[in-house]
Amino acid sequence: MTGPSDVTRARRMFLENPSTNLQVLVRNRYTWMNDFIGPDVKQKTTEADLNYIIKQFNARVSVFYIDQKYSNNAGERKQFGVGLQVQL
């Protein structure tokens, strides 16, 4: 590759010689979703993020909330999280 952003060549190399391990990983990573999705299933996602930058410490504090609901009553998923990013 001519550089780290040579996406065209990387894509061509992947399609010409696909990795079996990657194919299995991707297939298994998303097959569990088939129980929850279908042609008529709709998903509603609500997300809120709050970030605060602390300049004197080169840091950022973040809080997030994600709420996912499905129209077929397949479940509801809520996530809360707190993050801290420090730049050295």
C-alpha atoms as a PDB file:
ATOM      1  CA  MET A   1       0.000   0.000   0.000  1.00  0.00           C
ATOM      2  CA  THR A   2       1.141   3.510  -0.678  1.00  0.00           C
ATOM      3  CA  GLY A   3      -0.079   4.728   2.701  1.00  0.00           C
ATOM      4  CA  PRO A   4      -2.371   3.962   5.626  1.00  0.00           C
ATOM      5  CA  SER A   5      -5.333   5.498   3.795  1.00  0.00           C
ATOM      6  CA  ASP A   6      -5.110   3.420   0.617  1.00  0.00           C
ATOM      7  CA  VAL A   7      -8.660   2.133   1.051  1.00  0.00           C
ATOM      8  CA  THR A   8      -9.155   1.175  -2.580  1.00  0.00           C
ATOM      9  CA  ARG A   9      -6.210  -1.204  -2.579  1.00  0.00           C
ATOM     10  CA  ALA A  10      -7.050  -2.622   0.860  1.00  0.00           C
ATOM     11  CA  ARG A  11     -10.629  -3.329  -0.261  1.00  0.00           C
ATOM     12  CA  ARG A  12      -9.441  -4.978  -3.481  1.00  0.00           C
ATOM     13  CA  MET A  13      -6.962  -7.140  -1.563  1.00  0.00           C
ATOM     14  CA  PHE A  14      -9.679  -8.223   0.874  1.00  0.00           C
ATOM     15  CA  LEU A  15     -12.150  -9.105  -1.894  1.00  0.00           C
ATOM     16  CA  GLU A  16      -9.537 -11.018  -3.903  1.00  0.00           C
ATOM     17  CA  ASN A  17      -8.231 -13.031  -0.957  1.00  0.00           C
ATOM     18  CA  PRO A  18     -10.733 -12.895   1.917  1.00  0.00           C
ATOM     19  CA  SER A  19      -9.666 -14.102   5.342  1.00  0.00           C
ATOM     20  CA  THR A  20     -11.637 -17.139   6.509  1.00  0.00           C
ATOM     21  CA  ASN A  21     -11.216 -16.075  10.130  1.00  0.00           C
ATOM     22  CA  LEU A  22     -12.639 -12.645   9.391  1.00  0.00           C
ATOM     23  CA  GLN A  23     -15.617 -14.098   7.508  1.00  0.00           C
ATOM     24  CA  VAL A  24     -16.466 -16.383  10.446  1.00  0.00           C
ATOM     25  CA  LEU A  25     -16.027 -13.533  12.916  1.00  0.00           C
ATOM     26  CA  VAL A  26     -18.296 -11.155  11.007  1.00  0.00           C
ATOM     27  CA  ARG A  27     -20.944 -13.837  10.363  1.00  0.00           C
ATOM     28  CA  ASN A  28     -21.091 -14.852  14.034  1.00  0.00           C
ATOM     29  CA  ARG A  29     -20.904 -11.274  15.256  1.00  0.00           C
ATOM     30  CA  TYR A  30     -24.182 -10.323  13.597  1.00  0.00           C
ATOM     31  CA  THR A  31     -26.241 -13.532  13.303  1.00  0.00           C
ATOM     32  CA  TRP A  32     -27.697 -13.130  16.802  1.00  0.00           C
ATOM     33  CA  MET A  33     -29.533 -10.049  15.501  1.00  0.00           C
ATOM     34  CA  ASN A  34     -31.741 -12.167  13.245  1.00  0.00           C
ATOM     35  CA  ASP A  35     -33.939 -13.018  16.249  1.00  0.00           C
ATOM     36  CA  PHE A  36     -34.714  -9.344  16.727  1.00  0.00           C
ATOM     37  CA  ILE A  37     -34.960  -7.985  13.197  1.00  0.00           C
ATOM     38  CA  GLY A  38     -37.115  -8.686  10.209  1.00  0.00           C
ATOM     39  CA  PRO A  39     -38.665  -6.836   7.293  1.00  0.00           C
ATOM     40  CA  ASP A  40     -41.301  -5.127   9.464  1.00  0.00           C
ATOM     41  CA  VAL A  41     -39.261  -4.470  12.600  1.00  0.00           C
ATOM     42  CA  LYS A  42     -38.450  -0.888  13.437  1.00  0.00           C
ATOM     43  CA  GLN A  43     -35.881   0.273  15.949  1.00  0.00           C
ATOM     44  CA  LYS A  44     -36.019   3.560  17.814  1.00  0.00           C
ATOM     45  CA  THR A  45     -32.793   4.818  19.360  1.00  0.00           C
ATOM     46  CA  THR A  46     -32.508   7.719  21.755  1.00  0.00           C
ATOM     47  CA  GLU A  47     -29.024   8.885  22.643  1.00  0.00           C
ATOM     48  CA  ALA A  48     -27.691  11.692  24.807  1.00  0.00           C
ATOM     49  CA  ASP A  49     -24.040  12.618  25.292  1.00  0.00           C
ATOM     50  CA  LEU A  50     -22.435  15.201  27.514  1.00  0.00           C
ATOM     51  CA  ASN A  51     -18.728  16.085  27.358  1.00  0.00           C
ATOM     52  CA  TYR A  52     -16.768  18.460  29.544  1.00  0.00           C
ATOM     53  CA  ILE A  53     -13.234  19.530  28.652  1.00  0.00           C
ATOM     54  CA  ILE A  54     -10.775  20.293  31.449  1.00  0.00           C
ATOM     55  CA  LYS A  55      -8.100  22.373  29.677  1.00  0.00           C
ATOM     56  CA  GLN A  56      -5.580  22.615  32.499  1.00  0.00           C
ATOM     57  CA  PHE A  57      -5.359  18.773  32.691  1.00  0.00           C
ATOM     58  CA  ASN A  58      -5.723  18.055  28.931  1.00  0.00           C
ATOM     59  CA  ALA A  59      -8.668  15.830  29.846  1.00  0.00           C
ATOM     60  CA  ARG A  60     -12.250  15.219  28.865  1.00  0.00           C
ATOM     61  CA  VAL A  61     -15.012  13.723  30.985  1.00  0.00           C
ATOM     62  CA  SER A  62     -18.019  12.252  29.199  1.00  0.00           C
ATOM     63  CA  VAL A  63     -21.374  10.800  30.175  1.00  0.00           C
ATOM     64  CA  PHE A  64     -23.729   9.000  27.800  1.00  0.00           C
ATOM     65  CA  TYR A  65     -27.158   7.367  27.727  1.00  0.00           C
ATOM     66  CA  ILE A  66     -28.531   5.121  24.967  1.00  0.00           C
ATOM     67  CA  ASP A  67     -32.070   3.686  24.841  1.00  0.00           C
ATOM     68  CA  GLN A  68     -33.029   1.229  22.066  1.00  0.00           C
ATOM     69  CA  LYS A  69     -36.570  -0.065  21.563  1.00  0.00           C
ATOM     70  CA  TYR A  70     -37.939  -2.482  18.949  1.00  0.00           C
ATOM     71  CA  SER A  71     -41.416  -2.425  17.431  1.00  0.00           C
ATOM     72  CA  ASN A  72     -41.846  -6.224  17.753  1.00  0.00           C
ATOM     73  CA  ASN A  73     -41.338  -6.135  21.555  1.00  0.00           C
ATOM     74  CA  ALA A  74     -38.123  -8.129  21.128  1.00  0.00           C
ATOM     75  CA  GLY A  75     -36.618  -6.287  24.022  1.00  0.00           C
ATOM     76  CA  GLU A  76     -35.304  -3.030  25.191  1.00  0.00           C
ATOM     77  CA  ARG A  77     -31.694  -2.078  25.722  1.00  0.00           C
ATOM     78  CA  LYS A  78     -30.490   0.772  27.888  1.00  0.00           C
ATOM     79  CA  GLN A  79     -26.901   1.805  28.466  1.00  0.00           C
ATOM     80  CA  PHE A  80     -25.366   4.370  30.766  1.00  0.00           C
ATOM     81  CA  GLY A  81     -21.690   5.196  30.784  1.00  0.00           C
ATOM     82  CA  VAL A  82     -19.000   7.493  32.056  1.00  0.00           C
ATOM     83  CA  GLY A  83     -15.685   8.093  30.326  1.00  0.00           C
ATOM     84  CA  LEU A  84     -12.416   9.835  31.018  1.00  0.00           C
ATOM     85  CA  GLN A  85      -9.917  10.731  28.320  1.00  0.00           C
ATOM     86  CA  VAL A  86      -6.523  12.155  29.225  1.00  0.00           C
ATOM     87  CA  GLN A  87      -4.019  13.332  26.649  1.00  0.00           C
ATOM     88  CA  LEU A  88      -0.411  12.974  27.678  1.00  0.00           C
END
